[in-house]
Amino acid sequence: MTRSRPSRDRRPPGPAGDRRVTTRNATFQQWETLLHNRTKRHRAGAILVQGVRPISLAVEAGWRVRSWLYRAEGRLSDWAEEMLRSVRATRYAVSEELMRELGDKEEAPELLAEVETPAEDLSRVRVGPDFLGVVLDRPTSPGNIGSVVRSVDALGGSAVIVGGHAADAYDPKSVRASTGSLFSLPVVRVSSAREVLSWVEQVRAGGVPLRLVATDEDGAVELAEQDLRGPTLVLTGNETAGLSNRWREEADGLVHIPMGGTASSLNAASATTVVLYEASRQRRHDRGPA
């Protein structure tokens, strides 16, 4: 799915013509639900984005801004003024107290963005010969989802698929943990392993030999011995229960990460990052046939 670029104008920022929100009215309550109510967030098809980098990356990646919320009191930074001036959207001048509540910090943010979320569609994930993606099987921590998204982005990956009954990839904790990477690559939520496996079959039928590699502390192959240079989908299990039996059966390889010390395992985000780094290392230093 191709995201449309936001329309731009040259209107200067300022209170003239902008709506003001100074009480916890219906509009404010709607913004609160985007932060705290998963069901209503999905129904609205939007999230409230906090922070300079995440907002900048969302705009840069072409996510549509529905509305701007800016601090009504005090002078705005050049960055905030440029955002308001260059990206057309409904604008709200919001009291400092309410901005502080929405920003969930002691200091009120100067700018927040309500942006539309893309469709939950695996067709957004493009698979080529260098594809590197991750399936998170029923993750319970939104922070772990965001951390994995950040690692995938940093280590040359292409997509993250969140499967089954799981935490929300658009939870504010996930968005913050991704430090904006959520807006730079497809993050798609699916209901079950079956949906992903059907998509994998289509990819393979199209001529791409997509390999499924699962992390497991009892995996037969040490991570460094697994060939990760071709198109690869890394499977990471639930933080407590690990991978489901279906994913174990469907995986082309089960790998383990050698452990030292007293720790018996790494958490889901850390383990996934280690696998992604090894894949990146192999691809940088092509070692020839495995």
C-alpha atoms as a PDB file:
ATOM      1  CA  MET A   1       0.000   0.000   0.000  1.00  0.00           C
ATOM      2  CA  THR A   2       1.408   3.384  -0.989  1.00  0.00           C
ATOM      3  CA  ARG A   3       0.921   6.183   1.517  1.00  0.00           C
ATOM      4  CA  SER A   4      -0.089   9.524   0.074  1.00  0.00           C
ATOM      5  CA  ARG A   5       2.062  12.522   0.806  1.00  0.00           C
ATOM      6  CA  PRO A   6       0.479  15.132   3.082  1.00  0.00           C
ATOM      7  CA  SER A   7      -0.643  18.292   1.321  1.00  0.00           C
ATOM      8  CA  ARG A   8       1.349  21.410   2.144  1.00  0.00           C
ATOM      9  CA  ASP A   9       0.699  25.101   2.343  1.00  0.00           C
ATOM     10  CA  ARG A  10       2.494  28.178   3.614  1.00  0.00           C
ATOM     11  CA  ARG A  11       0.076  29.382   6.297  1.00  0.00           C
ATOM     12  CA  PRO A  12       1.914  30.874   9.276  1.00  0.00           C
ATOM     13  CA  PRO A  13       1.129  29.250  12.617  1.00  0.00           C
ATOM     14  CA  GLY A  14      -0.975  31.168  15.068  1.00  0.00           C
ATOM     15  CA  PRO A  15      -4.282  31.213  16.919  1.00  0.00           C
ATOM     16  CA  ALA A  16      -6.288  32.860  14.123  1.00  0.00           C
ATOM     17  CA  GLY A  17      -8.763  30.331  12.756  1.00  0.00           C
ATOM     18  CA  ASP A  18      -7.426  27.528  14.984  1.00  0.00           C
ATOM     19  CA  ARG A  19      -9.642  25.764  17.473  1.00  0.00           C
ATOM     20  CA  ARG A  20      -8.906  26.140  21.162  1.00  0.00           C
ATOM     21  CA  VAL A  21      -9.154  23.361  23.742  1.00  0.00           C
ATOM     22  CA  THR A  22      -8.817  24.460  27.353  1.00  0.00           C
ATOM     23  CA  THR A  23     -11.142  21.987  29.112  1.00  0.00           C
ATOM     24  CA  ARG A  24     -11.491  18.212  29.171  1.00  0.00           C
ATOM     25  CA  ASN A  25     -14.204  18.337  26.544  1.00  0.00           C
ATOM     26  CA  ALA A  26     -15.260  15.660  24.052  1.00  0.00           C
ATOM     27  CA  THR A  27     -12.366  16.476  21.725  1.00  0.00           C
ATOM     28  CA  PHE A  28      -9.826  16.100  24.510  1.00  0.00           C
ATOM     29  CA  GLN A  29     -11.434  12.847  25.627  1.00  0.00           C
ATOM     30  CA  GLN A  30     -11.150  11.507  22.083  1.00  0.00           C
ATOM     31  CA  TRP A  31      -7.410  12.228  22.114  1.00  0.00           C
ATOM     32  CA  GLU A  32      -7.122  10.451  25.467  1.00  0.00           C
ATOM     33  CA  THR A  33      -8.748   7.331  24.011  1.00  0.00           C
ATOM     34  CA  LEU A  34      -6.102   7.246  21.261  1.00  0.00           C
ATOM     35  CA  LEU A  35      -3.494   6.938  24.006  1.00  0.00           C
ATOM     36  CA  HIS A  36      -5.223   4.589  26.413  1.00  0.00           C
ATOM     37  CA  ASN A  37      -7.985   2.642  24.660  1.00  0.00           C
ATOM     38  CA  ARG A  38      -6.774   0.059  22.162  1.00  0.00           C
ATOM     39  CA  THR A  39     -10.208  -0.786  20.770  1.00  0.00           C
ATOM     40  CA  LYS A  40     -11.159   2.829  20.129  1.00  0.00           C
ATOM     41  CA  ARG A  41      -7.699   3.534  18.701  1.00  0.00           C
ATOM     42  CA  HIS A  42      -8.204   0.778  16.139  1.00  0.00           C
ATOM     43  CA  ARG A  43     -11.735   1.915  15.398  1.00  0.00           C
ATOM     44  CA  ALA A  44     -10.564   5.492  14.845  1.00  0.00           C
ATOM     45  CA  GLY A  45      -7.691   4.352  12.636  1.00  0.00           C
ATOM     46  CA  ALA A  46      -5.393   6.909  14.219  1.00  0.00           C
ATOM     47  CA  ILE A  47      -2.768   7.406  16.916  1.00  0.00           C
ATOM     48  CA  LEU A  48      -1.435  10.397  18.812  1.00  0.00           C
ATOM     49  CA  VAL A  49       2.288  10.801  18.143  1.00  0.00           C
ATOM     50  CA  GLN A  50       4.611  12.358  20.717  1.00  0.00           C
ATOM     51  CA  GLY A  51       8.192  13.591  20.292  1.00  0.00           C
ATOM     52  CA  VAL A  52      10.237  15.509  17.733  1.00  0.00           C
ATOM     53  CA  ARG A  53      11.818  12.504  16.022  1.00  0.00           C
ATOM     54  CA  PRO A  54       8.669  10.311  15.782  1.00  0.00           C
ATOM     55  CA  ILE A  55       6.580  13.213  14.464  1.00  0.00           C
ATOM     56  CA  SER A  56       9.274  14.204  11.959  1.00  0.00           C
ATOM     57  CA  LEU A  57       9.657  10.627  10.720  1.00  0.00           C
ATOM     58  CA  ALA A  58       5.889  10.143  10.415  1.00  0.00           C
ATOM     59  CA  VAL A  59       5.628  13.257   8.238  1.00  0.00           C
ATOM     60  CA  GLU A  60       8.736  12.323   6.255  1.00  0.00           C
ATOM     61  CA  ALA A  61       7.333   8.838   5.568  1.00  0.00           C
ATOM     62  CA  GLY A  62       4.064  10.278   4.302  1.00  0.00           C
ATOM     63  CA  TRP A  63       1.716   9.291   7.117  1.00  0.00           C
ATOM     64  CA  ARG A  64      -1.345  11.553   6.893  1.00  0.00           C
ATOM     65  CA  VAL A  65      -1.670  14.059   9.733  1.00  0.00           C
ATOM     66  CA  ARG A  66      -5.317  14.544  10.687  1.00  0.00           C
ATOM     67  CA  SER A  67      -4.742  17.227  13.274  1.00  0.00           C
ATOM     68  CA  TRP A  68      -2.037  19.205  15.026  1.00  0.00           C
ATOM     69  CA  LEU A  69      -2.171  19.906  18.745  1.00  0.00           C
ATOM     70  CA  TYR A  70       0.120  22.726  19.823  1.00  0.00           C
ATOM     71  CA  ARG A  71       0.778  24.377  23.167  1.00  0.00           C
ATOM     72  CA  ALA A  72      -1.300  27.526  23.339  1.00  0.00           C
ATOM     73  CA  GLU A  73       1.024  29.304  25.774  1.00  0.00           C
ATOM     74  CA  GLY A  74       4.525  30.506  24.966  1.00  0.00           C
ATOM     75  CA  ARG A  75       6.650  30.593  21.850  1.00  0.00           C
ATOM     76  CA  LEU A  76       7.018  27.500  19.669  1.00  0.00           C
ATOM     77  CA  SER A  77      10.345  26.281  18.312  1.00  0.00           C
ATOM     78  CA  ASP A  78      11.288  26.763  14.677  1.00  0.00           C
ATOM     79  CA  TRP A  79      10.700  23.032  14.147  1.00  0.00           C
ATOM     80  CA  ALA A  80       7.137  23.159  15.502  1.00  0.00           C
ATOM     81  CA  GLU A  81       6.340  26.297  13.512  1.00  0.00           C
ATOM     82  CA  GLU A  82       7.611  24.664  10.336  1.00  0.00           C
ATOM     83  CA  MET A  83       5.475  21.570  10.948  1.00  0.00           C
ATOM     84  CA  LEU A  84       2.359  23.682  11.449  1.00  0.00           C
ATOM     85  CA  ARG A  85       3.173  25.815   8.446  1.00  0.00           C
ATOM     86  CA  SER A  86       4.088  23.070   5.993  1.00  0.00           C
ATOM     87  CA  VAL A  87       1.662  20.202   6.720  1.00  0.00           C
ATOM     88  CA  ARG A  88      -2.007  21.008   6.328  1.00  0.00           C
ATOM     89  CA  ALA A  89      -4.289  19.593   9.018  1.00  0.00           C
ATOM     90  CA  THR A  90      -6.891  20.766  11.511  1.00  0.00           C
ATOM     91  CA  ARG A  91      -5.074  22.731  14.219  1.00  0.00           C
ATOM     92  CA  TYR A  92      -5.850  22.962  17.913  1.00  0.00           C
ATOM     93  CA  ALA A  93      -4.326  25.384  20.389  1.00  0.00           C
ATOM     94  CA  VAL A  94      -4.344  23.341  23.607  1.00  0.00           C
ATOM     95  CA  SER A  95      -3.730  24.597  27.125  1.00  0.00           C
ATOM     96  CA  GLU A  96      -0.400  23.722  28.710  1.00  0.00           C
ATOM     97  CA  GLU A  97      -2.054  21.639  31.418  1.00  0.00           C
ATOM     98  CA  LEU A  98      -3.892  19.470  28.904  1.00  0.00           C
ATOM     99  CA  MET A  99      -0.824  19.121  26.686  1.00  0.00           C
ATOM    100  CA  ARG A 100       1.108  17.917  29.720  1.00  0.00           C
ATOM    101  CA  GLU A 101      -1.520  15.221  30.307  1.00  0.00           C
ATOM    102  CA  LEU A 102      -1.463  14.090  26.689  1.00  0.00           C
ATOM    103  CA  GLY A 103       2.329  14.152  26.558  1.00  0.00           C
ATOM    104  CA  ASP A 104       2.553  12.069  29.747  1.00  0.00           C
ATOM    105  CA  LYS A 105       5.553  14.075  30.960  1.00  0.00           C
ATOM    106  CA  GLU A 106       6.226  16.753  33.545  1.00  0.00           C
ATOM    107  CA  GLU A 107       6.939  19.302  30.844  1.00  0.00           C
ATOM    108  CA  ALA A 108       4.181  19.961  28.341  1.00  0.00           C
ATOM    109  CA  PRO A 109       5.188  19.082  24.752  1.00  0.00           C
ATOM    110  CA  GLU A 110       4.934  21.919  22.282  1.00  0.00           C
ATOM    111  CA  LEU A 111       3.428  19.769  19.530  1.00  0.00           C
ATOM    112  CA  LEU A 112       1.530  16.499  19.119  1.00  0.00           C
ATOM    113  CA  ALA A 113       0.221  14.946  15.913  1.00  0.00           C
ATOM    114  CA  GLU A 114      -2.864  12.834  15.331  1.00  0.00           C
ATOM    115  CA  VAL A 115      -1.937  10.615  12.376  1.00  0.00           C
ATOM    116  CA  GLU A 116      -3.853   7.975  10.444  1.00  0.00           C
ATOM    117  CA  THR A 117      -2.676   4.377  10.683  1.00  0.00           C
ATOM    118  CA  PRO A 118      -2.304   2.266   7.512  1.00  0.00           C
ATOM    119  CA  ALA A 119      -4.354  -0.808   6.655  1.00  0.00           C
ATOM    120  CA  GLU A 120      -3.447  -4.111   8.341  1.00  0.00           C
ATOM    121  CA  ASP A 121      -2.477  -5.824   5.117  1.00  0.00           C
ATOM    122  CA  LEU A 122       0.489  -8.123   4.446  1.00  0.00           C
ATOM    123  CA  SER A 123       0.607  -6.819   0.881  1.00  0.00           C
ATOM    124  CA  ARG A 124       2.416  -3.835   2.402  1.00  0.00           C
ATOM    125  CA  VAL A 125       5.401  -6.141   3.019  1.00  0.00           C
ATOM    126  CA  ARG A 126       7.597  -6.358  -0.079  1.00  0.00           C
ATOM    127  CA  VAL A 127       9.867  -9.412  -0.244  1.00  0.00           C
ATOM    128  CA  GLY A 128      12.973  -9.458  -2.422  1.00  0.00           C
ATOM    129  CA  PRO A 129      16.245 -11.397  -2.456  1.00  0.00           C
ATOM    130  CA  ASP A 130      17.661  -9.406   0.501  1.00  0.00           C
ATOM    131  CA  PHE A 131      14.503  -9.452   2.620  1.00  0.00           C
ATOM    132  CA  LEU A 132      14.932  -9.664   6.390  1.00  0.00           C
ATOM    133  CA  GLY A 133      11.815  -9.537   8.538  1.00  0.00           C
ATOM    134  CA  VAL A 134      10.510 -10.605  11.932  1.00  0.00           C
ATOM    135  CA  VAL A 135       7.367 -12.361  13.115  1.00  0.00           C
ATOM    136  CA  LEU A 136       6.569 -11.728  16.770  1.00  0.00           C
ATOM    137  CA  ASP A 137       4.360 -14.567  18.007  1.00  0.00           C
ATOM    138  CA  ARG A 138       1.858 -13.276  20.591  1.00  0.00           C
ATOM    139  CA  PRO A 139       4.121 -10.661  22.242  1.00  0.00           C
ATOM    140  CA  THR A 140       2.742  -9.310  25.509  1.00  0.00           C
ATOM    141  CA  SER A 141       4.940  -6.227  25.892  1.00  0.00           C
ATOM    142  CA  PRO A 142       4.366  -3.160  23.677  1.00  0.00           C
ATOM    143  CA  GLY A 143       7.838  -1.981  24.670  1.00  0.00           C
ATOM    144  CA  ASN A 144       9.349  -5.171  23.237  1.00  0.00           C
ATOM    145  CA  ILE A 145       7.461  -4.650  19.978  1.00  0.00           C
ATOM    146  CA  GLY A 146       8.845  -1.132  19.657  1.00  0.00           C
ATOM    147  CA  SER A 147      12.367  -2.295  20.512  1.00  0.00           C
ATOM    148  CA  VAL A 148      12.231  -4.998  17.833  1.00  0.00           C
ATOM    149  CA  VAL A 149      10.933  -2.513  15.262  1.00  0.00           C
ATOM    150  CA  ARG A 150      13.870  -0.244  16.096  1.00  0.00           C
ATOM    151  CA  SER A 151      16.350  -3.115  15.746  1.00  0.00           C
ATOM    152  CA  VAL A 152      14.878  -4.247  12.421  1.00  0.00           C
ATOM    153  CA  ASP A 153      15.179  -0.713  11.083  1.00  0.00           C
ATOM    154  CA  ALA A 154      18.721  -0.255  12.411  1.00  0.00           C
ATOM    155  CA  LEU A 155      20.031  -3.590  11.118  1.00  0.00           C
ATOM    156  CA  GLY A 156      18.732  -3.418   7.573  1.00  0.00           C
ATOM    157  CA  GLY A 157      15.469  -5.294   8.031  1.00  0.00           C
ATOM    158  CA  SER A 158      12.313  -4.710   6.060  1.00  0.00           C
ATOM    159  CA  ALA A 159       9.217  -5.460   8.156  1.00  0.00           C
ATOM    160  CA  VAL A 160       7.728  -6.658  11.435  1.00  0.00           C
ATOM    161  CA  ILE A 161       4.639  -8.861  11.639  1.00  0.00           C
ATOM    162  CA  VAL A 162       2.830  -9.082  14.978  1.00  0.00           C
ATOM    163  CA  GLY A 163       0.760 -12.251  15.180  1.00  0.00           C
ATOM    164  CA  GLY A 164      -1.981 -13.709  17.345  1.00  0.00           C
ATOM    165  CA  HIS A 165      -3.402 -12.344  20.586  1.00  0.00           C
ATOM    166  CA  ALA A 166      -0.746  -9.728  21.249  1.00  0.00           C
ATOM    167  CA  ALA A 167       0.112  -6.326  22.624  1.00  0.00           C
ATOM    168  CA  ASP A 168      -0.654  -3.400  20.351  1.00  0.00           C
ATOM    169  CA  ALA A 169       2.092  -2.195  18.036  1.00  0.00           C
ATOM    170  CA  TYR A 170       0.467   1.266  18.149  1.00  0.00           C
ATOM    171  CA  ASP A 171       0.465   1.483  21.937  1.00  0.00           C
ATOM    172  CA  PRO A 172       2.328   4.682  22.945  1.00  0.00           C
ATOM    173  CA  LYS A 173       4.951   2.527  24.721  1.00  0.00           C
ATOM    174  CA  SER A 174       5.654   0.720  21.478  1.00  0.00           C
ATOM    175  CA  VAL A 175       5.828   3.933  19.458  1.00  0.00           C
ATOM    176  CA  ARG A 176       8.226   5.481  21.987  1.00  0.00           C
ATOM    177  CA  ALA A 177      10.423   2.370  22.164  1.00  0.00           C
ATOM    178  CA  SER A 178      10.704   2.347  18.368  1.00  0.00           C
ATOM    179  CA  THR A 179      12.020   5.963  18.489  1.00  0.00           C
ATOM    180  CA  GLY A 180      10.076   6.625  15.292  1.00  0.00           C
ATOM    181  CA  SER A 181      11.164   3.542  13.340  1.00  0.00           C
ATOM    182  CA  LEU A 182       7.542   2.399  13.432  1.00  0.00           C
ATOM    183  CA  PHE A 183       6.894   4.976  10.704  1.00  0.00           C
ATOM    184  CA  SER A 184       9.825   3.903   8.539  1.00  0.00           C
ATOM    185  CA  LEU A 185       8.924   0.277   7.778  1.00  0.00           C
ATOM    186  CA  PRO A 186       5.761  -1.858   7.573  1.00  0.00           C
ATOM    187  CA  VAL A 187       4.515  -3.121  10.926  1.00  0.00           C
ATOM    188  CA  VAL A 188       1.509  -5.350  10.276  1.00  0.00           C
ATOM    189  CA  ARG A 189      -0.777  -7.034  12.789  1.00  0.00           C
ATOM    190  CA  VAL A 190      -2.362 -10.386  11.873  1.00  0.00           C
ATOM    191  CA  SER A 191      -4.777 -12.629  13.718  1.00  0.00           C
ATOM    192  CA  SER A 192      -2.980 -15.967  13.410  1.00  0.00           C
ATOM    193  CA  ALA A 193      -0.004 -17.953  12.149  1.00  0.00           C
ATOM    194  CA  ARG A 194      -2.253 -19.344   9.420  1.00  0.00           C
ATOM    195  CA  GLU A 195      -2.600 -15.896   7.862  1.00  0.00           C
ATOM    196  CA  VAL A 196       1.166 -15.404   7.764  1.00  0.00           C
ATOM    197  CA  LEU A 197       1.837 -18.887   6.426  1.00  0.00           C
ATOM    198  CA  SER A 198      -0.657 -18.373   3.605  1.00  0.00           C
ATOM    199  CA  TRP A 199       1.218 -15.195   2.705  1.00  0.00           C
ATOM    200  CA  VAL A 200       4.554 -17.064   2.880  1.00  0.00           C
ATOM    201  CA  GLU A 201       3.201 -19.632   0.392  1.00  0.00           C
ATOM    202  CA  GLN A 202       2.258 -16.836  -2.006  1.00  0.00           C
ATOM    203  CA  VAL A 203       5.727 -15.295  -1.688  1.00  0.00           C
ATOM    204  CA  ARG A 204       7.394 -18.639  -2.406  1.00  0.00           C
ATOM    205  CA  ALA A 205       5.031 -19.300  -5.312  1.00  0.00           C
ATOM    206  CA  GLY A 206       6.224 -15.981  -6.730  1.00  0.00           C
ATOM    207  CA  GLY A 207       9.770 -17.310  -6.889  1.00  0.00           C
ATOM    208  CA  VAL A 208      11.248 -15.945  -3.642  1.00  0.00           C
ATOM    209  CA  PRO A 209      12.737 -18.744  -1.442  1.00  0.00           C
ATOM    210  CA  LEU A 210      11.688 -17.185   1.863  1.00  0.00           C
ATOM    211  CA  ARG A 211      13.164 -19.123   4.792  1.00  0.00           C
ATOM    212  CA  LEU A 212      11.611 -19.239   8.276  1.00  0.00           C
ATOM    213  CA  VAL A 213      14.198 -19.276  11.068  1.00  0.00           C
ATOM    214  CA  ALA A 214      13.003 -19.621  14.663  1.00  0.00           C
ATOM    215  CA  THR A 215      14.872 -18.740  17.838  1.00  0.00           C
ATOM    216  CA  ASP A 216      14.655 -21.374  20.555  1.00  0.00           C
ATOM    217  CA  GLU A 217      16.910 -22.137  23.526  1.00  0.00           C
ATOM    218  CA  ASP A 218      16.737 -25.816  22.550  1.00  0.00           C
ATOM    219  CA  GLY A 219      17.369 -25.172  18.846  1.00  0.00           C
ATOM    220  CA  ALA A 220      19.569 -27.764  17.149  1.00  0.00           C
ATOM    221  CA  VAL A 221      21.721 -25.225  15.296  1.00  0.00           C
ATOM    222  CA  GLU A 222      23.950 -22.556  16.831  1.00  0.00           C
ATOM    223  CA  LEU A 223      23.022 -19.135  15.474  1.00  0.00           C
ATOM    224  CA  ALA A 224      26.386 -18.453  13.794  1.00  0.00           C
ATOM    225  CA  GLU A 225      26.098 -21.719  11.841  1.00  0.00           C
ATOM    226  CA  GLN A 226      22.725 -20.841  10.330  1.00  0.00           C
ATOM    227  CA  ASP A 227      22.811 -19.307   6.852  1.00  0.00           C
ATOM    228  CA  LEU A 228      20.880 -16.045   7.095  1.00  0.00           C
ATOM    229  CA  ARG A 229      21.999 -14.447   3.844  1.00  0.00           C
ATOM    230  CA  GLY A 230      18.930 -15.174   1.711  1.00  0.00           C
ATOM    231  CA  PRO A 231      15.390 -13.856   2.213  1.00  0.00           C
ATOM    232  CA  THR A 232      14.670 -14.649   5.854  1.00  0.00           C
ATOM    233  CA  LEU A 233      11.782 -14.315   8.263  1.00  0.00           C
ATOM    234  CA  VAL A 234      12.908 -14.538  11.902  1.00  0.00           C
ATOM    235  CA  LEU A 235      10.342 -16.097  14.266  1.00  0.00           C
ATOM    236  CA  THR A 236      10.356 -14.934  17.890  1.00  0.00           C
ATOM    237  CA  GLY A 237       8.057 -16.427  20.497  1.00  0.00           C
ATOM    238  CA  ASN A 238       6.006 -15.074  23.368  1.00  0.00           C
ATOM    239  CA  GLU A 239       8.066 -13.710  26.268  1.00  0.00           C
ATOM    240  CA  THR A 240       6.835 -16.434  28.647  1.00  0.00           C
ATOM    241  CA  ALA A 241       5.565 -19.359  26.581  1.00  0.00           C
ATOM    242  CA  GLY A 242       7.949 -19.124  23.636  1.00  0.00           C
ATOM    243  CA  LEU A 243       6.935 -20.090  20.108  1.00  0.00           C
ATOM    244  CA  SER A 244       3.666 -21.860  19.444  1.00  0.00           C
ATOM    245  CA  ASN A 245       3.823 -25.464  18.230  1.00  0.00           C
ATOM    246  CA  ARG A 246       2.549 -24.378  14.817  1.00  0.00           C
ATOM    247  CA  TRP A 247       5.526 -22.093  14.276  1.00  0.00           C
ATOM    248  CA  ARG A 248       7.954 -24.744  15.519  1.00  0.00           C
ATOM    249  CA  GLU A 249       6.549 -27.187  12.981  1.00  0.00           C
ATOM    250  CA  GLU A 250       6.664 -24.716  10.106  1.00  0.00           C
ATOM    251  CA  ALA A 251      10.150 -23.307  10.778  1.00  0.00           C
ATOM    252  CA  ASP A 252      12.879 -24.278   8.324  1.00  0.00           C
ATOM    253  CA  GLY A 253      15.435 -24.025  11.105  1.00  0.00           C
ATOM    254  CA  LEU A 254      15.535 -23.773  14.914  1.00  0.00           C
ATOM    255  CA  VAL A 255      18.565 -21.851  16.189  1.00  0.00           C
ATOM    256  CA  HIS A 256      19.896 -21.204  19.657  1.00  0.00           C
ATOM    257  CA  ILE A 257      22.060 -18.365  20.952  1.00  0.00           C
ATOM    258  CA  PRO A 258      25.009 -19.639  23.024  1.00  0.00           C
ATOM    259  CA  MET A 259      24.633 -18.415  26.606  1.00  0.00           C
ATOM    260  CA  GLY A 260      27.199 -17.778  29.314  1.00  0.00           C
ATOM    261  CA  GLY A 261      26.864 -16.850  32.951  1.00  0.00           C
ATOM    262  CA  THR A 262      23.784 -17.775  34.953  1.00  0.00           C
ATOM    263  CA  ALA A 263      21.191 -16.465  32.482  1.00  0.00           C
ATOM    264  CA  SER A 264      19.353 -19.251  30.677  1.00  0.00           C
ATOM    265  CA  SER A 265      17.849 -17.026  28.000  1.00  0.00           C
ATOM    266  CA  LEU A 266      17.499 -13.498  26.642  1.00  0.00           C
ATOM    267  CA  ASN A 267      14.253 -11.584  26.524  1.00  0.00           C
ATOM    268  CA  ALA A 268      12.371 -11.557  23.219  1.00  0.00           C
ATOM    269  CA  ALA A 269      13.621  -8.177  22.010  1.00  0.00           C
ATOM    270  CA  SER A 270      17.249  -8.893  22.902  1.00  0.00           C
ATOM    271  CA  ALA A 271      17.236 -12.344  21.303  1.00  0.00           C
ATOM    272  CA  THR A 272      15.686 -10.987  18.130  1.00  0.00           C
ATOM    273  CA  THR A 273      18.275  -8.215  17.951  1.00  0.00           C
ATOM    274  CA  VAL A 274      21.113 -10.750  18.266  1.00  0.00           C
ATOM    275  CA  VAL A 275      19.701 -12.780  15.358  1.00  0.00           C
ATOM    276  CA  LEU A 276      19.236  -9.650  13.253  1.00  0.00           C
ATOM    277  CA  TYR A 277      22.809  -8.586  13.940  1.00  0.00           C
ATOM    278  CA  GLU A 278      24.114 -11.999  12.887  1.00  0.00           C
ATOM    279  CA  ALA A 279      22.074 -11.802   9.678  1.00  0.00           C
ATOM    280  CA  SER A 280      23.452  -8.331   9.026  1.00  0.00           C
ATOM    281  CA  ARG A 281      27.006  -9.521   9.725  1.00  0.00           C
ATOM    282  CA  GLN A 282      26.697 -12.446   7.331  1.00  0.00           C
ATOM    283  CA  ARG A 283      25.316 -10.236   4.622  1.00  0.00           C
ATOM    284  CA  ARG A 284      28.121  -7.707   5.044  1.00  0.00           C
ATOM    285  CA  HIS A 285      30.821 -10.372   5.004  1.00  0.00           C
ATOM    286  CA  ASP A 286      29.553 -12.931   2.540  1.00  0.00           C
ATOM    287  CA  ARG A 287      31.359 -16.081   3.614  1.00  0.00           C
ATOM    288  CA  GLY A 288      30.470 -18.157   0.610  1.00  0.00           C
ATOM    289  CA  PRO A 289      28.237 -21.260   0.570  1.00  0.00           C
ATOM    290  CA  ALA A 290      27.266 -22.472   4.015  1.00  0.00           C
END
